[in-house]
């Protein structure tokens, strides 16, 4: 087997046949580091897409609120405000039920 020397980018120590630095513990194997960075990017992307995806009703109201016709735009704003009130009441009831259950 051949010996592999890797220099730590953090402290500059030469390490023999090791994936982590013996002095500071930094990951020095570039293949493992790239796999780890790729995994972290995919996790961040998955979390971002799940948390930022609005439902279809909200998307519909946001598109219609910018409609060129004034009557449709104000009607959409009226129903959108009703939709916000319904969501607020629903979240309040969910909070109360969760508080009682705990």
N, C-alpha and C. Protein backbone atom coordinates (compact mmCIF):
# COMPACT_ATOMS: atom_id res chain seq x y z
N UNK A 1 0.83 -1.18 0.00
CA UNK A 1 0.00 0.00 0.00
C UNK A 1 0.87 1.24 0.00
N UNK A 2 0.45 2.25 -0.71
CA UNK A 2 1.23 3.48 -0.78
C UNK A 2 0.83 4.43 0.35
N UNK A 3 1.78 5.23 0.73
CA UNK A 3 1.52 6.21 1.78
C UNK A 3 0.96 7.48 1.15
N UNK A 4 -0.07 8.03 1.77
CA UNK A 4 -0.70 9.25 1.29
C UNK A 4 -0.47 10.33 2.33
N UNK A 5 0.22 11.38 1.91
CA UNK A 5 0.44 12.54 2.77
C UNK A 5 -0.55 13.63 2.38
N UNK A 6 -1.24 14.15 3.37
CA UNK A 6 -2.18 15.25 3.13
C UNK A 6 -1.84 16.39 4.06
N UNK A 7 -1.84 17.60 3.49
CA UNK A 7 -1.55 18.78 4.28
C UNK A 7 -2.86 19.42 4.72
N UNK A 8 -2.97 19.72 5.98
CA UNK A 8 -4.18 20.33 6.54
C UNK A 8 -4.28 21.78 6.06
N UNK A 9 -5.44 22.17 5.48
CA UNK A 9 -5.59 23.56 5.04
C UNK A 9 -5.76 24.53 6.21
N UNK A 10 -6.10 24.00 7.37
CA UNK A 10 -6.36 24.84 8.53
C UNK A 10 -5.07 25.18 9.30
N UNK A 11 -4.27 24.14 9.63
CA UNK A 11 -3.09 24.38 10.45
C UNK A 11 -1.77 24.09 9.73
N UNK A 12 -1.81 23.44 8.55
CA UNK A 12 -0.60 23.19 7.77
C UNK A 12 0.16 21.95 8.17
N UNK A 13 -0.39 21.10 9.03
CA UNK A 13 0.28 19.89 9.47
C UNK A 13 0.18 18.82 8.39
N UNK A 14 1.27 18.09 8.18
CA UNK A 14 1.26 16.95 7.25
C UNK A 14 0.75 15.72 7.98
N UNK A 15 -0.19 15.01 7.37
CA UNK A 15 -0.79 13.83 7.98
C UNK A 15 -0.58 12.65 7.06
N UNK A 16 -0.32 11.50 7.64
CA UNK A 16 -0.04 10.29 6.89
C UNK A 16 -1.25 9.35 6.96
N UNK A 17 -1.82 9.00 5.79
CA UNK A 17 -2.92 8.04 5.66
C UNK A 17 -4.09 8.37 6.61
N UNK A 18 -4.52 9.60 6.62
CA UNK A 18 -5.60 10.00 7.52
C UNK A 18 -6.57 10.91 6.76
N UNK A 19 -7.84 10.80 7.12
CA UNK A 19 -8.86 11.67 6.52
C UNK A 19 -9.06 12.94 7.33
N UNK A 20 -8.67 12.90 8.59
CA UNK A 20 -8.82 14.05 9.48
C UNK A 20 -7.43 14.45 10.01
N UNK A 21 -7.26 15.74 10.24
CA UNK A 21 -5.99 16.24 10.76
C UNK A 21 -5.80 15.76 12.19
N UNK A 22 -4.57 15.31 12.49
CA UNK A 22 -4.28 14.81 13.84
C UNK A 22 -4.14 15.94 14.85
N UNK A 23 -3.85 17.14 14.38
CA UNK A 23 -3.65 18.29 15.27
C UNK A 23 -4.97 19.01 15.59
N UNK A 24 -5.72 19.37 14.54
CA UNK A 24 -6.91 20.21 14.77
C UNK A 24 -8.23 19.49 14.47
N UNK A 25 -8.19 18.31 13.85
CA UNK A 25 -9.41 17.55 13.60
C UNK A 25 -10.18 17.97 12.36
N UNK A 26 -9.60 18.81 11.51
CA UNK A 26 -10.26 19.26 10.29
C UNK A 26 -10.30 18.14 9.27
N UNK A 27 -11.39 18.04 8.53
CA UNK A 27 -11.50 17.06 7.46
C UNK A 27 -10.58 17.47 6.32
N UNK A 28 -9.61 16.60 5.97
CA UNK A 28 -8.63 16.96 4.94
C UNK A 28 -8.77 16.12 3.68
N UNK A 29 -9.59 15.09 3.69
CA UNK A 29 -9.82 14.29 2.50
C UNK A 29 -10.79 15.06 1.60
N UNK A 30 -10.33 15.45 0.42
CA UNK A 30 -11.15 16.30 -0.46
C UNK A 30 -12.39 15.58 -0.96
N UNK A 31 -12.31 14.28 -1.19
CA UNK A 31 -13.47 13.54 -1.68
C UNK A 31 -14.56 13.52 -0.61
N UNK A 32 -14.17 13.22 0.63
CA UNK A 32 -15.16 13.21 1.72
C UNK A 32 -15.71 14.60 1.98
N UNK A 33 -14.84 15.63 1.88
CA UNK A 33 -15.29 17.00 2.12
C UNK A 33 -16.32 17.42 1.07
N UNK A 34 -16.08 17.08 -0.19
CA UNK A 34 -17.03 17.42 -1.25
C UNK A 34 -18.35 16.68 -1.08
N UNK A 35 -18.29 15.42 -0.68
CA UNK A 35 -19.53 14.67 -0.43
C UNK A 35 -20.32 15.31 0.70
N UNK A 36 -19.61 15.71 1.76
CA UNK A 36 -20.27 16.34 2.90
C UNK A 36 -20.89 17.68 2.50
N UNK A 37 -20.17 18.49 1.72
CA UNK A 37 -20.71 19.78 1.28
C UNK A 37 -21.91 19.59 0.36
N UNK A 38 -21.86 18.60 -0.53
CA UNK A 38 -22.98 18.31 -1.42
C UNK A 38 -24.21 17.89 -0.63
N UNK A 39 -24.00 17.06 0.38
CA UNK A 39 -25.11 16.60 1.22
C UNK A 39 -25.74 17.78 1.97
N UNK A 40 -24.92 18.69 2.49
CA UNK A 40 -25.44 19.85 3.21
C UNK A 40 -26.21 20.77 2.28
N UNK A 41 -25.71 20.97 1.03
CA UNK A 41 -26.43 21.81 0.07
C UNK A 41 -27.78 21.22 -0.28
N UNK A 42 -27.83 19.89 -0.48
CA UNK A 42 -29.10 19.25 -0.81
C UNK A 42 -30.09 19.34 0.34
N UNK A 43 -29.61 19.20 1.58
CA UNK A 43 -30.49 19.33 2.74
C UNK A 43 -31.04 20.75 2.86
N UNK A 44 -30.18 21.75 2.66
CA UNK A 44 -30.64 23.14 2.72
C UNK A 44 -31.66 23.43 1.64
N UNK A 45 -31.42 22.90 0.45
CA UNK A 45 -32.34 23.12 -0.66
C UNK A 45 -33.68 22.45 -0.39
N UNK A 46 -33.67 21.25 0.17
CA UNK A 46 -34.91 20.55 0.48
C UNK A 46 -35.70 21.29 1.55
N UNK A 47 -35.02 21.80 2.55
CA UNK A 47 -35.70 22.54 3.62
C UNK A 47 -36.26 23.84 3.08
N UNK A 48 -35.51 24.52 2.23
CA UNK A 48 -35.96 25.80 1.68
C UNK A 48 -37.18 25.63 0.78
N UNK A 49 -37.21 24.58 -0.03
CA UNK A 49 -38.34 24.40 -0.92
C UNK A 49 -39.58 23.98 -0.16
N UNK A 50 -39.44 23.23 0.92
CA UNK A 50 -40.60 22.83 1.71
C UNK A 50 -41.20 24.00 2.47
N UNK A 51 -40.34 24.84 3.04
CA UNK A 51 -40.84 25.92 3.89
C UNK A 51 -41.35 27.11 3.10
N UNK A 52 -40.92 27.30 1.87
CA UNK A 52 -41.30 28.48 1.11
C UNK A 52 -42.37 28.21 0.07
N UNK A 53 -42.93 27.04 0.04
CA UNK A 53 -43.92 26.72 -0.98
C UNK A 53 -45.32 27.11 -0.48
N UNK A 54 -45.91 28.19 -1.02
CA UNK A 54 -47.27 28.56 -0.60
C UNK A 54 -48.31 27.64 -1.24
N UNK A 55 -49.48 27.60 -0.63
CA UNK A 55 -50.52 26.74 -1.19
C UNK A 55 -51.16 27.39 -2.42
N UNK A 56 -51.99 26.64 -3.12
CA UNK A 56 -52.54 27.10 -4.40
C UNK A 56 -53.51 28.27 -4.23
N UNK A 57 -54.23 28.30 -3.13
CA UNK A 57 -55.18 29.39 -2.91
C UNK A 57 -54.42 30.72 -2.75
N UNK A 58 -53.34 30.70 -1.98
CA UNK A 58 -52.55 31.91 -1.79
C UNK A 58 -51.93 32.36 -3.11
N UNK A 59 -51.43 31.43 -3.90
CA UNK A 59 -50.87 31.78 -5.21
C UNK A 59 -51.93 32.40 -6.11
N UNK A 60 -53.13 31.83 -6.09
CA UNK A 60 -54.22 32.37 -6.91
C UNK A 60 -54.54 33.80 -6.50
N UNK A 61 -54.67 34.06 -5.20
CA UNK A 61 -54.99 35.41 -4.72
C UNK A 61 -53.88 36.39 -5.04
N UNK A 62 -52.62 35.97 -4.96
CA UNK A 62 -51.52 36.88 -5.27
C UNK A 62 -51.51 37.25 -6.76
N UNK A 63 -51.84 36.31 -7.62
CA UNK A 63 -51.89 36.63 -9.05
C UNK A 63 -53.07 37.52 -9.38
N UNK A 64 -54.24 37.26 -8.79
CA UNK A 64 -55.44 38.02 -9.11
C UNK A 64 -55.39 39.42 -8.50
N UNK A 65 -54.69 39.60 -7.39
CA UNK A 65 -54.59 40.92 -6.78
C UNK A 65 -53.87 41.92 -7.66
N UNK A 66 -53.13 41.46 -8.66
CA UNK A 66 -52.43 42.35 -9.59
C UNK A 66 -53.11 42.38 -10.96
N UNK A 67 -54.35 42.01 -11.01
CA UNK A 67 -55.10 41.98 -12.27
C UNK A 67 -55.34 43.40 -12.78
N UNK A 68 -55.34 43.62 -14.10
CA UNK A 68 -55.55 44.99 -14.63
C UNK A 68 -56.97 45.52 -14.42
N UNK A 69 -57.96 44.64 -14.32
CA UNK A 69 -59.34 45.06 -14.11
C UNK A 69 -59.53 45.44 -12.64
N UNK A 70 -60.04 46.65 -12.40
CA UNK A 70 -60.18 47.17 -11.04
C UNK A 70 -61.21 46.36 -10.25
N UNK A 71 -62.32 46.00 -10.85
CA UNK A 71 -63.36 45.25 -10.15
C UNK A 71 -62.82 43.89 -9.68
N UNK A 72 -62.13 43.20 -10.54
CA UNK A 72 -61.57 41.89 -10.16
C UNK A 72 -60.50 42.06 -9.09
N UNK A 73 -59.68 43.09 -9.19
CA UNK A 73 -58.62 43.31 -8.23
C UNK A 73 -59.18 43.58 -6.83
N UNK A 74 -60.21 44.43 -6.71
CA UNK A 74 -60.79 44.72 -5.40
C UNK A 74 -61.59 43.54 -4.85
N UNK A 75 -62.25 42.80 -5.73
CA UNK A 75 -62.95 41.59 -5.29
C UNK A 75 -61.95 40.57 -4.74
N UNK A 76 -60.82 40.43 -5.41
CA UNK A 76 -59.79 39.50 -4.94
C UNK A 76 -59.22 39.94 -3.60
N UNK A 77 -59.01 41.25 -3.43
CA UNK A 77 -58.51 41.74 -2.14
C UNK A 77 -59.51 41.47 -1.02
N UNK A 78 -60.81 41.62 -1.31
CA UNK A 78 -61.85 41.36 -0.31
C UNK A 78 -61.82 39.89 0.11
N UNK A 79 -61.82 38.99 -0.87
CA UNK A 79 -61.81 37.56 -0.53
C UNK A 79 -60.48 37.13 0.08
N UNK A 80 -59.39 37.78 -0.31
CA UNK A 80 -58.10 37.46 0.29
C UNK A 80 -58.09 37.84 1.77
N UNK A 81 -58.69 38.97 2.11
CA UNK A 81 -58.76 39.36 3.52
C UNK A 81 -59.62 38.39 4.31
N UNK A 82 -60.70 37.90 3.71
CA UNK A 82 -61.52 36.88 4.37
C UNK A 82 -60.70 35.61 4.57
N UNK A 83 -59.90 35.24 3.56
CA UNK A 83 -59.06 34.05 3.64
C UNK A 83 -58.04 34.19 4.79
N UNK A 84 -57.48 35.36 4.98
CA UNK A 84 -56.52 35.59 6.07
C UNK A 84 -57.21 35.46 7.42
N UNK A 85 -58.42 35.98 7.54
CA UNK A 85 -59.16 35.86 8.80
C UNK A 85 -59.47 34.40 9.09
N UNK A 86 -59.87 33.63 8.08
CA UNK A 86 -60.15 32.20 8.28
C UNK A 86 -58.90 31.47 8.73
N UNK A 87 -57.74 31.78 8.13
CA UNK A 87 -56.49 31.16 8.55
C UNK A 87 -56.13 31.54 9.98
N UNK A 88 -56.36 32.78 10.35
CA UNK A 88 -56.06 33.21 11.71
C UNK A 88 -56.94 32.49 12.73
N UNK A 89 -58.23 32.35 12.43
CA UNK A 89 -59.14 31.65 13.34
C UNK A 89 -58.74 30.18 13.44
N UNK A 90 -58.41 29.56 12.31
CA UNK A 90 -57.99 28.16 12.32
C UNK A 90 -56.72 27.94 13.11
N UNK A 91 -55.75 28.82 12.97
CA UNK A 91 -54.51 28.67 13.73
C UNK A 91 -54.73 28.91 15.22
N UNK A 92 -55.64 29.84 15.55
CA UNK A 92 -55.96 30.07 16.95
C UNK A 92 -56.64 28.84 17.56
N UNK A 93 -57.56 28.23 16.83
CA UNK A 93 -58.22 27.02 17.34
C UNK A 93 -57.22 25.88 17.47
N UNK A 94 -56.29 25.73 16.54
CA UNK A 94 -55.27 24.71 16.64
C UNK A 94 -54.37 24.94 17.85
N UNK A 95 -54.05 26.20 18.13
CA UNK A 95 -53.27 26.53 19.30
C UNK A 95 -54.01 26.16 20.58
N UNK A 96 -55.29 26.50 20.66
CA UNK A 96 -56.10 26.19 21.85
C UNK A 96 -56.20 24.68 22.05
N UNK A 97 -56.47 23.94 20.97
CA UNK A 97 -56.57 22.48 21.08
C UNK A 97 -55.24 21.87 21.50
N UNK A 98 -54.15 22.37 20.94
CA UNK A 98 -52.83 21.88 21.34
C UNK A 98 -52.49 22.21 22.77
N UNK A 99 -52.91 23.36 23.23
CA UNK A 99 -52.66 23.76 24.61
C UNK A 99 -53.44 22.88 25.58
N UNK A 100 -54.71 22.58 25.22
CA UNK A 100 -55.55 21.75 26.07
C UNK A 100 -55.03 20.32 26.10
N UNK A 101 -54.56 19.81 24.95
CA UNK A 101 -54.10 18.43 24.86
C UNK A 101 -52.79 18.23 25.64
N UNK A 102 -51.99 19.26 25.74
CA UNK A 102 -50.69 19.09 26.42
C UNK A 102 -50.84 19.23 27.87
